[in-house]
Amino acid sequence: MVDHPTPAAAEAVQRAAGVVAARHRGDLDGAEALLAAFPSEQAKTLGFYLLAELALGLVRAQSGQSMDDLVQELSLHLATASDQPPPAPD
């Protein structure tokens, strides 16, 4: 993860968090507007990537789990949510 993101990366993370917050409160138009406001697909990808890293880091700090355990748990939740078998552990 980038320890000190550039101002553009920080703005992309804030925009990505805004998309998640808007969707969570049911503001689909607002979420769409925020998605459209990303200057490029690369910025959108970076914003959501850094947001995921930050969120997983916060959960890891609170739970004491390793990042590998958190990602495995997340994979299991995603598999359950999508009715697909979970991937085999490495």
Protein backbone atom coordinates (compact mmCIF):
# COMPACT_ATOMS: atom_id res chain seq x y z
CA MET A 1 0.00 0.00 0.00
CA VAL A 2 1.09 3.56 -0.60
CA ASP A 3 1.98 4.97 2.82
CA HIS A 4 1.68 8.58 1.70
CA PRO A 5 -0.61 8.75 -1.32
CA THR A 6 -0.31 11.64 -3.70
CA PRO A 7 -3.07 14.24 -3.55
CA ALA A 8 -4.61 12.71 -6.70
CA ALA A 9 -4.56 9.22 -5.16
CA ALA A 10 -6.05 10.53 -1.90
CA GLU A 11 -8.82 12.25 -3.88
CA ALA A 12 -9.52 9.00 -5.76
CA VAL A 13 -9.81 7.11 -2.45
CA GLN A 14 -12.18 9.74 -1.06
CA ARG A 15 -14.28 9.57 -4.21
CA ALA A 16 -14.37 5.75 -4.03
CA ALA A 17 -15.44 5.94 -0.37
CA GLY A 18 -18.14 8.41 -1.40
CA VAL A 19 -19.44 5.93 -3.98
CA VAL A 20 -19.69 3.23 -1.30
CA ALA A 21 -21.37 5.60 1.16
CA ALA A 22 -23.87 6.83 -1.43
CA ARG A 23 -24.81 3.27 -2.42
CA HIS A 24 -25.15 2.30 1.24
CA ARG A 25 -27.64 5.09 1.89
CA GLY A 26 -29.54 4.24 -1.31
CA ASP A 27 -28.41 7.27 -3.32
CA LEU A 28 -27.76 5.44 -6.58
CA ASP A 29 -27.79 8.66 -8.62
CA GLY A 30 -25.14 10.16 -6.35
CA ALA A 31 -23.03 7.01 -6.59
CA GLU A 32 -23.28 7.12 -10.39
CA ALA A 33 -22.32 10.79 -10.42
CA LEU A 34 -19.27 10.10 -8.26
CA LEU A 35 -18.26 7.19 -10.48
CA ALA A 36 -18.56 9.39 -13.55
CA ALA A 37 -16.41 12.06 -11.88
CA PHE A 38 -13.29 9.89 -11.86
CA PRO A 39 -10.91 11.40 -14.42
CA SER A 40 -9.93 7.98 -15.85
CA GLU A 41 -10.40 4.25 -15.42
CA GLN A 42 -6.89 4.13 -13.97
CA ALA A 43 -7.85 6.66 -11.28
CA LYS A 44 -11.01 4.69 -10.51
CA THR A 45 -9.05 1.45 -10.21
CA LEU A 46 -6.43 3.08 -7.99
CA GLY A 47 -9.07 4.67 -5.77
CA PHE A 48 -10.94 1.44 -5.14
CA TYR A 49 -7.71 -0.55 -4.74
CA LEU A 50 -6.37 1.84 -2.11
CA LEU A 51 -9.77 1.98 -0.39
CA ALA A 52 -9.83 -1.83 -0.17
CA GLU A 53 -6.30 -1.88 1.26
CA LEU A 54 -7.20 0.77 3.80
CA ALA A 55 -10.43 -0.97 4.82
CA LEU A 56 -8.75 -4.36 5.16
CA GLY A 57 -5.93 -2.76 7.14
CA LEU A 58 -8.44 -1.22 9.56
CA VAL A 59 -10.24 -4.54 10.00
CA ARG A 60 -6.89 -6.32 10.50
CA ALA A 61 -5.85 -3.79 13.15
CA GLN A 62 -9.16 -4.22 15.02
CA SER A 63 -9.42 -8.00 14.70
CA GLY A 64 -5.78 -9.00 15.06
CA GLN A 65 -6.17 -11.40 12.11
CA SER A 66 -3.51 -11.74 9.47
CA MET A 67 -4.17 -10.23 6.08
CA ASP A 68 -4.15 -13.74 4.58
CA ASP A 69 -6.86 -14.84 7.03
CA LEU A 70 -8.96 -11.77 6.27
CA VAL A 71 -8.69 -12.30 2.51
CA GLN A 72 -9.61 -15.97 2.92
CA GLU A 73 -12.63 -15.01 5.04
CA LEU A 74 -13.63 -12.39 2.48
CA SER A 75 -13.34 -15.00 -0.30
CA LEU A 76 -15.61 -17.34 1.63
CA HIS A 77 -18.20 -14.58 2.13
CA LEU A 78 -18.07 -13.67 -1.55
CA ALA A 79 -18.45 -17.31 -2.59
CA THR A 80 -21.45 -17.71 -0.28
CA ALA A 81 -23.00 -14.50 -1.55
CA SER A 82 -22.61 -15.53 -5.16
CA ASP A 83 -23.53 -19.19 -4.62
CA GLN A 84 -20.20 -20.39 -5.95
CA PRO A 85 -17.79 -22.81 -4.32
CA PRO A 86 -14.95 -21.03 -2.52
CA PRO A 87 -11.48 -21.24 -4.01
CA ALA A 88 -9.20 -23.95 -2.63
CA PRO A 89 -6.66 -22.59 -0.12
CA ASP A 90 -3.06 -22.47 -1.31
